[in-house]
Amino acid sequence: MKKLILACIGTCFFATISAQEKIQQLSLKEAISFALEHSYNSKTAKNDINSAKEKVWETTTIGLPQINAQVNYQNFLRQPVSLLPAAAFDNTTSVVETVEDFFDLTPNSTPTPADGFIPVVFGTKQNINASVTLTQLLFDGSYLVGLQASKTFLKISKQAEEKTELLTREAVINAYGNVLVTEKSMEILAGNVSILKKNFHDAQQIYENGLNEEEDVEQLEITLGNLKNQLNSVTRMKAIAYQMLNLSLGNPITTKLILTDSLDGLAEDNINLELIGTAFDLTNHIDFKISENDRETKRLMMKYEQSKALPSLSAFVNYGSQAFSDSFSFFETNQPWFNSSLLGVSLNVPIFSSFARKSRTAQAKIALENADVRLEEIKQKLSLQAQTAKNDYQLSIENYQTSKKNVGLAERIEKKQRVKFFEGISSSFDLLQAQNQLYAQQQNYIQSMLAVIANKATLENALNIPIK
């Protein structure tokens, strides 16, 4: 039994470790699909749509029947006292007049009425009142406008989700590309360090044999130290790049990832010259649609302010019941209850607001004019943005093709200078110059591949190309 328990504990422990060390393998396409479902921005965008749907229903219910119940219970710790004139309770005059009339007597004096007041308590010490009221809005101009505005708000929320998806795609592409850049940089730097270590070792041996100068060895040592520092820096940047990718995916930043796409492959796959010739469609661009709906919101706001000058009409029905007692006997069977019912209509007619409505309407009109200005601005911005993105993308393709060619040339030049250096034909300065040129071209090549990938993503967003 003890062995069985230990075996179960061990199984649970290793299962937990396995779950914690789960590795996620992702291509770029898979990473984008994953982020569209799990990224933080995607989740909040979906929640915003659900919230907007609830807002539409909330606004709709204003025009639907409303039923409210109310129960009021009162227990007077000290009942209020009212004062009545004492003369109201003095019937002396009435009695005297009756006797005089009966016996046909002639009065010789008039009775003096009582002076002062008598304290009186009205009602019972406790009472309870229960009622149910149904109200129905019959007409209200602002309600109709509010209903339109809530539907526009829902449309904006859906468009915001579409915009979020495009931005998420671009963010994942950039983060994925940055990881590949750091890995490619590490690979190239590690290769350079390995070659330079051998060169440094060979130069030391040649120097020890007296066939070159100490300066040549020291120059190689400086270059080797700089390369090692760069490699260490890129290694640290790699961890941060993975964390940034996890953040854009909606993962915990410690999630282990394996990227199945290569930087070289993505650069080639993202070269699409036909994309540069794609016509820009302003009317279907998501940013333009959002701006149009923003203008519609401002128009409805002005209409809402204007509608406040219209009368509102509502009807109501009330049914209630009351009970009175000096003790809490309201639930006893012999307790009498008194019912009441009421049907009514309420009409509210705005007459004069000291020009407050006029001022609010004027403000809403100005906001609408500003929305028109911003809409025109967004037209120009989006057109310029598309053209700029096309130019940047075309330039990045040209730079990539040039850098790919240049890195091959720089490698051959560096190799020739290295051979000449060890043959004693060229100086360490010539070798250093060739090495620096090679390292610069390698970095240009890496960055040009990233630029192709990133600029294509930017162009797709600028052209509002949907996610496939």
Protein backbone atom coordinates (compact mmCIF):
# COMPACT_ATOMS: atom_id res chain seq x y z
CA MET A 1 0.00 0.00 0.00
CA LYS A 2 2.85 2.35 0.88
CA LYS A 3 4.52 1.67 -2.47
CA LEU A 4 1.27 2.41 -4.27
CA ILE A 5 0.92 5.77 -2.49
CA LEU A 6 4.52 6.69 -3.32
CA ALA A 7 3.97 5.71 -6.94
CA CYS A 8 0.87 7.92 -7.15
CA ILE A 9 2.71 10.86 -5.57
CA GLY A 10 5.60 10.38 -7.99
CA THR A 11 3.26 10.24 -10.98
CA CYS A 12 1.49 13.45 -9.90
CA PHE A 13 4.83 15.18 -9.32
CA PHE A 14 6.25 14.32 -12.73
CA ALA A 15 2.92 15.17 -14.38
CA THR A 16 3.09 18.61 -12.73
CA ILE A 17 6.68 19.13 -13.86
CA SER A 18 5.75 18.03 -17.37
CA ALA A 19 2.83 20.49 -17.47
CA GLN A 20 5.02 23.32 -16.21
CA GLU A 21 7.69 22.58 -18.86
CA LYS A 22 5.26 22.24 -21.75
CA ILE A 23 6.82 23.59 -24.92
CA GLN A 24 4.78 25.37 -27.57
CA GLN A 25 5.86 24.98 -31.19
CA LEU A 26 4.62 27.70 -33.52
CA SER A 27 5.00 28.78 -37.10
CA LEU A 28 4.30 32.44 -37.80
CA LYS A 29 0.86 31.62 -39.16
CA GLU A 30 0.07 29.51 -36.09
CA ALA A 31 1.33 32.28 -33.81
CA ILE A 32 -1.01 34.79 -35.45
CA SER A 33 -4.00 32.43 -35.15
CA PHE A 34 -3.16 31.75 -31.51
CA ALA A 35 -2.83 35.45 -30.69
CA LEU A 36 -6.18 36.30 -32.31
CA GLU A 37 -7.82 34.02 -29.75
CA HIS A 38 -5.65 34.45 -26.67
CA SER A 39 -3.91 37.84 -26.76
CA TYR A 40 -4.91 40.34 -24.10
CA ASN A 41 -6.13 42.92 -26.60
CA SER A 42 -8.23 40.33 -28.46
CA LYS A 43 -9.91 39.24 -25.24
CA THR A 44 -10.76 42.80 -24.21
CA ALA A 45 -12.05 43.58 -27.73
CA LYS A 46 -14.45 40.62 -27.54
CA ASN A 47 -15.56 41.75 -24.08
CA ASP A 48 -16.19 45.25 -25.44
CA ILE A 49 -18.53 43.79 -28.07
CA ASN A 50 -20.45 41.85 -25.42
CA SER A 51 -20.67 45.00 -23.32
CA ALA A 52 -21.97 46.96 -26.33
CA LYS A 53 -24.66 44.33 -26.95
CA GLU A 54 -25.77 44.66 -23.34
CA LYS A 55 -25.81 48.45 -23.78
CA VAL A 56 -28.15 48.11 -26.77
CA TRP A 57 -30.54 45.99 -24.72
CA GLU A 58 -30.29 48.36 -21.76
CA THR A 59 -31.31 51.25 -24.00
CA THR A 60 -34.10 49.22 -25.60
CA THR A 61 -35.65 48.38 -22.24
CA ILE A 62 -36.26 52.07 -21.50
CA GLY A 63 -39.17 51.93 -23.94
CA LEU A 64 -40.53 48.63 -22.59
CA PRO A 65 -42.97 48.23 -19.67
CA GLN A 66 -41.42 48.78 -16.24
CA ILE A 67 -42.92 47.15 -13.15
CA ASN A 68 -41.87 48.17 -9.65
CA ALA A 69 -43.16 47.04 -6.28
CA GLN A 70 -42.90 49.00 -3.05
CA VAL A 71 -43.67 48.17 0.57
CA ASN A 72 -43.63 50.85 3.28
CA TYR A 73 -43.99 50.02 6.96
CA GLN A 74 -44.29 52.72 9.64
CA ASN A 75 -44.21 52.37 13.41
CA PHE A 76 -44.62 55.67 15.27
CA LEU A 77 -42.49 55.58 18.39
CA ARG A 78 -44.35 58.76 19.35
CA GLN A 79 -47.36 59.63 17.26
CA PRO A 80 -47.66 63.22 16.04
CA VAL A 81 -50.18 65.40 17.88
CA SER A 82 -52.54 67.89 16.22
CA LEU A 83 -54.28 70.82 17.99
CA LEU A 84 -57.96 71.49 17.37
CA PRO A 85 -59.94 74.50 18.74
CA ALA A 86 -61.71 73.60 22.00
CA ALA A 87 -64.85 75.35 20.68
CA ALA A 88 -65.18 72.59 18.10
CA PHE A 89 -65.99 70.16 20.93
CA ASP A 90 -68.25 72.58 22.97
CA ASN A 91 -71.96 72.01 22.15
CA THR A 92 -73.36 74.34 24.89
CA THR A 93 -74.68 76.86 22.36
CA SER A 94 -76.41 74.13 20.38
CA VAL A 95 -78.12 72.68 23.47
CA VAL A 96 -79.31 76.12 24.69
CA GLU A 97 -80.71 76.98 21.25
CA THR A 98 -82.56 73.65 21.10
CA VAL A 99 -84.15 74.21 24.55
CA GLU A 100 -85.10 77.79 23.70
CA ASP A 101 -86.74 76.72 20.48
CA PHE A 102 -88.57 73.84 22.16
CA PHE A 103 -89.99 75.97 24.99
CA ASP A 104 -90.24 79.12 22.90
CA LEU A 105 -88.06 81.08 25.28
CA THR A 106 -86.46 84.44 24.71
CA PRO A 107 -82.68 84.30 25.43
CA ASN A 108 -81.45 86.88 27.86
CA SER A 109 -77.72 86.13 27.19
CA THR A 110 -75.44 84.35 24.68
CA PRO A 111 -73.33 81.38 25.90
CA THR A 112 -69.60 82.04 25.90
CA PRO A 113 -67.69 79.54 23.61
CA ALA A 114 -64.80 77.55 25.07
CA ASP A 115 -61.33 79.02 24.63
CA GLY A 116 -58.00 77.31 23.79
CA PHE A 117 -57.08 74.08 21.88
CA ILE A 118 -57.43 70.38 22.52
CA PRO A 119 -54.51 68.00 21.56
CA VAL A 120 -55.67 65.15 19.31
CA VAL A 121 -53.83 62.06 17.89
CA PHE A 122 -55.04 60.83 14.50
CA GLY A 123 -54.58 57.35 13.04
CA THR A 124 -53.01 54.18 14.40
CA LYS A 125 -49.56 53.67 15.78
CA GLN A 126 -48.52 51.29 12.96
CA ASN A 127 -49.40 51.07 9.29
CA ILE A 128 -48.20 49.24 6.20
CA ASN A 129 -48.61 50.13 2.55
CA ALA A 130 -47.84 47.78 -0.39
CA SER A 131 -48.16 48.81 -4.02
CA VAL A 132 -47.23 47.72 -7.56
CA THR A 133 -46.76 50.26 -10.34
CA LEU A 134 -46.55 49.59 -14.08
CA THR A 135 -45.19 52.40 -16.26
CA GLN A 136 -44.99 52.54 -20.05
CA LEU A 137 -43.18 55.14 -22.12
CA LEU A 138 -45.50 56.22 -24.94
CA PHE A 139 -43.33 58.83 -26.64
CA ASP A 140 -39.92 60.34 -26.03
CA GLY A 141 -37.79 61.68 -28.89
CA SER A 142 -34.55 61.23 -26.96
CA TYR A 143 -35.32 57.52 -26.48
CA LEU A 144 -35.49 56.92 -30.23
CA VAL A 145 -32.20 58.74 -30.77
CA GLY A 146 -30.58 56.86 -27.90
CA LEU A 147 -31.62 53.56 -29.46
CA GLN A 148 -29.92 54.55 -32.72
CA ALA A 149 -26.80 55.66 -30.84
CA SER A 150 -26.50 52.38 -28.95
CA LYS A 151 -26.62 50.42 -32.23
CA THR A 152 -23.92 52.68 -33.66
CA PHE A 153 -21.84 52.05 -30.54
CA LEU A 154 -22.16 48.29 -31.13
CA LYS A 155 -21.01 48.75 -34.72
CA ILE A 156 -17.98 50.74 -33.52
CA SER A 157 -17.10 48.00 -31.02
CA LYS A 158 -17.17 45.36 -33.77
CA GLN A 159 -14.99 47.53 -35.98
CA ALA A 160 -12.62 48.09 -33.05
CA GLU A 161 -12.27 44.31 -32.77
CA GLU A 162 -11.41 44.11 -36.47
CA LYS A 163 -8.82 46.85 -35.99
CA THR A 164 -7.43 45.01 -32.95
CA GLU A 165 -7.03 41.85 -35.03
CA LEU A 166 -5.00 43.73 -37.65
CA LEU A 167 -2.80 45.33 -34.99
CA THR A 168 -2.38 41.97 -33.25
CA ARG A 169 -1.24 40.39 -36.50
CA GLU A 170 1.33 43.13 -37.03
CA ALA A 171 2.54 42.93 -33.41
CA VAL A 172 2.99 39.14 -33.58
CA ILE A 173 4.83 39.36 -36.90
CA ASN A 174 7.24 41.95 -35.47
CA ALA A 175 7.75 40.03 -32.22
CA TYR A 176 8.22 36.72 -34.06
CA GLY A 177 10.67 38.39 -36.43
CA ASN A 178 12.65 39.94 -33.56
CA VAL A 179 13.14 36.49 -32.01
CA LEU A 180 14.40 35.11 -35.31
CA VAL A 181 16.72 38.12 -35.69
CA THR A 182 18.33 37.49 -32.31
CA GLU A 183 18.74 33.79 -33.07
CA LYS A 184 20.24 34.52 -36.49
CA SER A 185 22.55 37.14 -34.96
CA MET A 186 23.69 34.64 -32.33
CA GLU A 187 24.36 32.06 -35.03
CA ILE A 188 26.43 34.47 -37.14
CA LEU A 189 28.27 35.97 -34.15
CA ALA A 190 29.07 32.52 -32.78
CA GLY A 191 30.51 31.56 -36.18
CA ASN A 192 32.55 34.78 -36.31
CA VAL A 193 33.87 34.22 -32.78
CA SER A 194 34.85 30.65 -33.65
CA ILE A 195 36.75 31.77 -36.76
CA LEU A 196 38.39 34.67 -34.94
CA LYS A 197 39.50 32.42 -32.07
CA LYS A 198 41.33 30.23 -34.55
CA ASN A 199 42.83 33.28 -36.25
CA PHE A 200 43.93 34.66 -32.88
CA HIS A 201 45.49 31.32 -31.90
CA ASP A 202 47.30 31.02 -35.25
CA ALA A 203 48.52 34.63 -35.02
CA GLN A 204 49.91 33.97 -31.54
CA GLN A 205 51.89 31.00 -32.80
CA ILE A 206 53.22 32.99 -35.74
CA TYR A 207 54.21 35.80 -33.38
CA GLU A 208 55.97 33.37 -31.07
CA ASN A 209 57.95 32.19 -34.08
CA GLY A 210 58.85 35.81 -34.79
CA LEU A 211 57.10 36.01 -38.12
CA ASN A 212 54.71 38.87 -37.32
CA GLU A 213 54.34 41.79 -34.95
CA GLU A 214 52.71 41.83 -31.52
CA GLU A 215 50.38 44.58 -32.74
CA ASP A 216 48.78 42.12 -35.17
CA VAL A 217 47.97 39.73 -32.32
CA GLU A 218 46.62 42.52 -30.12
CA GLN A 219 44.42 43.81 -32.93
CA LEU A 220 42.84 40.36 -33.30
CA GLU A 221 42.40 40.14 -29.52
CA ILE A 222 40.52 43.46 -29.46
CA THR A 223 38.22 42.35 -32.27
CA LEU A 224 37.63 38.99 -30.56
CA GLY A 225 36.71 40.72 -27.28
CA ASN A 226 34.25 43.00 -29.03
CA LEU A 227 32.62 40.07 -30.80
CA LYS A 228 32.25 38.16 -27.53
CA ASN A 229 30.57 41.17 -25.94
CA GLN A 230 28.17 41.45 -28.86
CA LEU A 231 27.38 37.74 -28.61
CA ASN A 232 26.69 38.05 -24.87
CA SER A 233 24.46 41.06 -25.46
CA VAL A 234 22.44 39.30 -28.17
CA THR A 235 22.11 36.22 -25.94
CA ARG A 236 20.52 38.37 -23.24
CA MET A 237 18.32 40.09 -25.81
CA LYS A 238 17.09 36.70 -26.99
CA ALA A 239 15.41 36.01 -23.64
CA ILE A 240 13.69 39.41 -23.74
CA ALA A 241 12.60 38.85 -27.36
CA TYR A 242 10.94 35.57 -26.39
CA GLN A 243 9.19 37.27 -23.49
CA MET A 244 7.91 40.01 -25.80
CA LEU A 245 6.58 37.37 -28.20
CA ASN A 246 4.82 35.57 -25.34
CA LEU A 247 3.29 38.87 -24.28
CA SER A 248 1.92 39.53 -27.76
CA LEU A 249 0.54 35.96 -27.88
CA GLY A 250 -1.22 36.32 -24.53
CA ASN A 251 1.01 33.68 -22.91
CA PRO A 252 2.77 33.91 -19.55
CA ILE A 253 6.14 35.42 -20.42
CA THR A 254 7.94 32.30 -19.10
CA THR A 255 6.26 29.97 -21.64
CA LYS A 256 8.85 27.99 -23.63
CA LEU A 257 8.51 28.46 -27.36
CA ILE A 258 10.03 26.76 -30.39
CA LEU A 259 9.68 28.72 -33.61
CA THR A 260 9.41 26.49 -36.65
CA ASP A 261 9.91 29.21 -39.28
CA SER A 262 13.32 30.59 -40.20
CA LEU A 263 14.24 34.20 -40.84
CA ASP A 264 15.55 33.43 -44.33
CA GLY A 265 12.42 31.48 -45.25
CA LEU A 266 10.05 34.17 -43.98
CA ALA A 267 11.96 36.88 -45.83
CA GLU A 268 11.58 35.00 -49.12
CA ASP A 269 7.93 34.14 -48.43
CA ASN A 270 7.10 37.78 -47.68
CA ILE A 271 8.36 39.12 -50.99
CA ASN A 272 5.22 39.88 -52.97
CA LEU A 273 5.67 42.58 -55.58
CA GLU A 274 2.02 42.27 -56.63
CA LEU A 275 1.08 43.71 -53.23
CA ILE A 276 2.71 47.01 -54.20
CA GLY A 277 0.34 47.29 -57.16
CA THR A 278 -2.76 46.65 -55.04
CA ALA A 279 -5.23 49.53 -55.35
CA PHE A 280 -6.04 51.40 -52.17
CA ASP A 281 -9.74 51.15 -51.27
CA LEU A 282 -10.56 53.97 -48.87
CA THR A 283 -14.24 53.17 -48.34
CA ASN A 284 -13.54 49.65 -47.03
CA HIS A 285 -10.62 50.67 -44.80
CA ILE A 286 -11.35 49.92 -41.15
CA ASP A 287 -9.95 53.26 -39.92
CA PHE A 288 -12.19 55.13 -42.35
CA LYS A 289 -15.23 53.12 -41.21
CA ILE A 290 -14.44 53.89 -37.58
CA SER A 291 -14.15 57.60 -38.38
CA GLU A 292 -17.45 57.51 -40.28
CA ASN A 293 -19.19 55.94 -37.30
CA ASP A 294 -17.57 58.48 -34.99
CA ARG A 295 -19.13 61.18 -37.15
CA GLU A 296 -22.47 59.36 -37.00
CA THR A 297 -22.21 59.32 -33.22
CA LYS A 298 -21.70 63.10 -33.18
CA ARG A 299 -24.68 63.56 -35.52
CA LEU A 300 -26.89 61.49 -33.24
CA MET A 301 -25.67 63.47 -30.24
CA MET A 302 -26.80 66.69 -31.93
CA LYS A 303 -30.12 65.05 -32.77
CA TYR A 304 -30.42 63.93 -29.15
CA GLU A 305 -29.98 67.48 -27.87
CA GLN A 306 -32.59 68.71 -30.36
CA SER A 307 -35.04 66.00 -29.27
CA LYS A 308 -34.99 67.31 -25.70
CA ALA A 309 -37.28 70.13 -26.87
CA LEU A 310 -40.01 67.59 -27.70
CA PRO A 311 -42.65 66.57 -25.16
CA SER A 312 -42.55 63.14 -23.52
CA LEU A 313 -45.61 61.05 -22.73
CA SER A 314 -45.93 58.07 -20.40
CA ALA A 315 -48.76 56.10 -18.80
CA PHE A 316 -48.90 54.32 -15.47
CA VAL A 317 -51.12 51.94 -13.50
CA ASN A 318 -50.87 51.58 -9.73
CA TYR A 319 -52.48 49.05 -7.44
CA GLY A 320 -51.96 49.16 -3.69
CA SER A 321 -53.28 47.99 -0.35
CA GLN A 322 -53.03 49.51 3.14
CA ALA A 323 -53.52 48.22 6.67
CA PHE A 324 -53.62 50.07 10.01
CA SER A 325 -53.19 48.79 13.57
CA ASP A 326 -51.89 49.79 16.98
CA SER A 327 -49.91 46.51 17.11
CA PHE A 328 -48.12 44.40 14.52
CA SER A 329 -51.09 42.29 13.48
CA PHE A 330 -50.85 42.71 9.73
CA PHE A 331 -50.53 39.00 9.01
CA GLU A 332 -53.46 37.94 11.11
CA THR A 333 -56.55 36.71 9.30
CA ASN A 334 -58.88 39.26 10.83
CA GLN A 335 -56.67 42.22 9.86
CA PRO A 336 -58.59 44.45 7.43
CA TRP A 337 -56.79 45.67 4.29
CA PHE A 338 -57.96 48.60 2.18
CA ASN A 339 -57.26 48.42 -1.55
CA SER A 340 -56.74 51.26 -4.01
CA SER A 341 -56.05 51.49 -7.74
CA LEU A 342 -54.94 54.31 -10.03
CA LEU A 343 -54.58 54.82 -13.78
CA GLY A 344 -52.82 57.90 -15.09
CA VAL A 345 -50.99 59.60 -17.93
CA SER A 346 -48.01 61.95 -17.54
CA LEU A 347 -47.15 64.56 -20.15
CA ASN A 348 -43.95 66.58 -19.81
CA VAL A 349 -43.67 69.61 -22.11
CA PRO A 350 -40.37 71.58 -22.09
CA ILE A 351 -41.18 75.27 -22.40
CA PHE A 352 -38.18 77.41 -21.48
CA SER A 353 -34.71 76.37 -20.30
CA SER A 354 -33.03 79.80 -20.29
CA PHE A 355 -31.39 78.81 -23.61
CA ALA A 356 -29.55 75.85 -22.02
CA ARG A 357 -30.90 73.48 -24.70
CA LYS A 358 -29.84 75.90 -27.42
CA SER A 359 -26.31 76.01 -26.00
CA ARG A 360 -26.05 72.21 -25.75
CA THR A 361 -27.32 71.83 -29.31
CA ALA A 362 -24.76 74.38 -30.54
CA GLN A 363 -21.97 72.46 -28.80
CA ALA A 364 -23.13 69.20 -30.40
CA LYS A 365 -23.20 70.90 -33.81
CA ILE A 366 -19.60 72.10 -33.34
CA ALA A 367 -18.57 68.55 -32.37
CA LEU A 368 -20.19 67.29 -35.59
CA GLU A 369 -18.29 69.87 -37.64
CA ASN A 370 -15.04 68.76 -35.98
CA ALA A 371 -15.90 65.13 -36.83
CA ASP A 372 -16.31 66.17 -40.48
CA VAL A 373 -12.87 67.80 -40.37
CA ARG A 374 -11.30 64.70 -38.82
CA LEU A 375 -13.00 62.47 -41.39
CA GLU A 376 -11.46 64.48 -44.21
CA GLU A 377 -8.10 64.37 -42.44
CA ILE A 378 -8.27 60.57 -42.06
CA LYS A 379 -8.95 60.25 -45.80
CA GLN A 380 -5.72 62.09 -46.59
CA LYS A 381 -3.73 60.32 -43.88
CA LEU A 382 -4.79 56.84 -44.98
CA SER A 383 -3.95 57.56 -48.61
CA LEU A 384 -0.54 58.90 -47.61
CA GLN A 385 0.00 56.00 -45.23
CA ALA A 386 -0.71 53.46 -47.97
CA GLN A 387 1.67 55.14 -50.41
CA THR A 388 4.40 55.43 -47.78
CA ALA A 389 3.98 51.77 -46.80
CA LYS A 390 4.29 50.71 -50.45
CA ASN A 391 7.49 52.73 -50.85
CA ASP A 392 8.97 51.35 -47.62
CA TYR A 393 8.10 47.78 -48.59
CA GLN A 394 9.61 48.13 -52.05
CA LEU A 395 12.75 49.70 -50.57
CA SER A 396 13.07 46.90 -48.00
CA ILE A 397 12.92 44.28 -50.79
CA GLU A 398 15.62 46.12 -52.73
CA ASN A 399 17.78 46.46 -49.60
CA TYR A 400 17.33 42.76 -48.85
CA GLN A 401 18.41 41.72 -52.32
CA THR A 402 21.40 44.08 -52.20
CA SER A 403 22.39 43.02 -48.66
CA LYS A 404 22.17 39.35 -49.59
CA LYS A 405 24.58 39.97 -52.45
CA ASN A 406 26.85 42.22 -50.38
CA VAL A 407 27.24 39.75 -47.53
CA GLY A 408 28.53 37.15 -50.00
CA LEU A 409 31.00 39.68 -51.41
CA ALA A 410 32.13 40.73 -47.92
CA GLU A 411 32.70 37.10 -46.92
CA ARG A 412 34.95 36.52 -49.94
CA ILE A 413 36.85 39.78 -49.31
CA GLU A 414 37.38 38.91 -45.63
CA LYS A 415 38.54 35.40 -46.52
CA LYS A 416 41.05 36.74 -49.06
CA GLN A 417 42.38 39.32 -46.58
CA ARG A 418 42.71 36.61 -43.93
CA VAL A 419 44.77 34.44 -46.29
CA LYS A 420 46.92 37.44 -47.26
CA PHE A 421 47.40 38.34 -43.58
CA PHE A 422 48.68 34.92 -42.60
CA GLU A 423 50.86 34.85 -45.71
CA GLY A 424 52.32 38.18 -44.61
CA ILE A 425 51.12 40.03 -47.68
CA SER A 426 48.64 42.40 -45.95
CA SER A 427 48.59 44.13 -42.56
CA SER A 428 46.32 43.60 -39.56
CA PHE A 429 44.67 46.92 -40.42
CA ASP A 430 43.58 45.56 -43.82
CA LEU A 431 42.23 42.42 -42.15
CA LEU A 432 40.41 44.49 -39.50
CA GLN A 433 38.83 46.64 -42.19
CA ALA A 434 37.63 43.56 -44.08
CA GLN A 435 36.30 41.99 -40.89
CA ASN A 436 34.39 45.11 -39.85
CA GLN A 437 32.94 45.36 -43.34
CA LEU A 438 31.81 41.72 -43.15
CA TYR A 439 30.25 42.15 -39.71
CA ALA A 440 28.41 45.29 -40.85
CA GLN A 441 27.09 43.55 -43.97
CA GLN A 442 25.96 40.57 -41.92
CA GLN A 443 23.95 42.84 -39.63
CA ASN A 444 22.55 44.74 -42.62
CA TYR A 445 21.47 41.44 -44.14
CA ILE A 446 19.74 40.33 -40.94
CA GLN A 447 17.97 43.66 -40.51
CA SER A 448 16.96 43.72 -44.19
CA MET A 449 15.19 40.37 -43.77
CA LEU A 450 13.32 41.68 -40.74
CA ALA A 451 12.44 44.87 -42.64
CA VAL A 452 10.87 42.86 -45.47
CA ILE A 453 8.72 40.91 -43.00
CA ALA A 454 7.75 43.94 -40.89
CA ASN A 455 7.11 46.30 -43.80
CA LYS A 456 4.89 43.77 -45.52
CA ALA A 457 2.80 43.55 -42.32
CA THR A 458 2.62 47.36 -42.20
CA LEU A 459 1.56 47.51 -45.86
CA GLU A 460 -1.13 44.86 -45.32
CA ASN A 461 -2.56 46.97 -42.50
CA ALA A 462 -2.30 50.15 -44.56
CA LEU A 463 -4.23 48.46 -47.38
CA ASN A 464 -6.62 46.88 -44.87
CA ILE A 465 -5.93 43.38 -46.25
CA PRO A 466 -7.98 40.94 -44.15
CA ILE A 467 -6.43 38.16 -42.09
CA LYS A 468 -6.52 34.84 -43.91
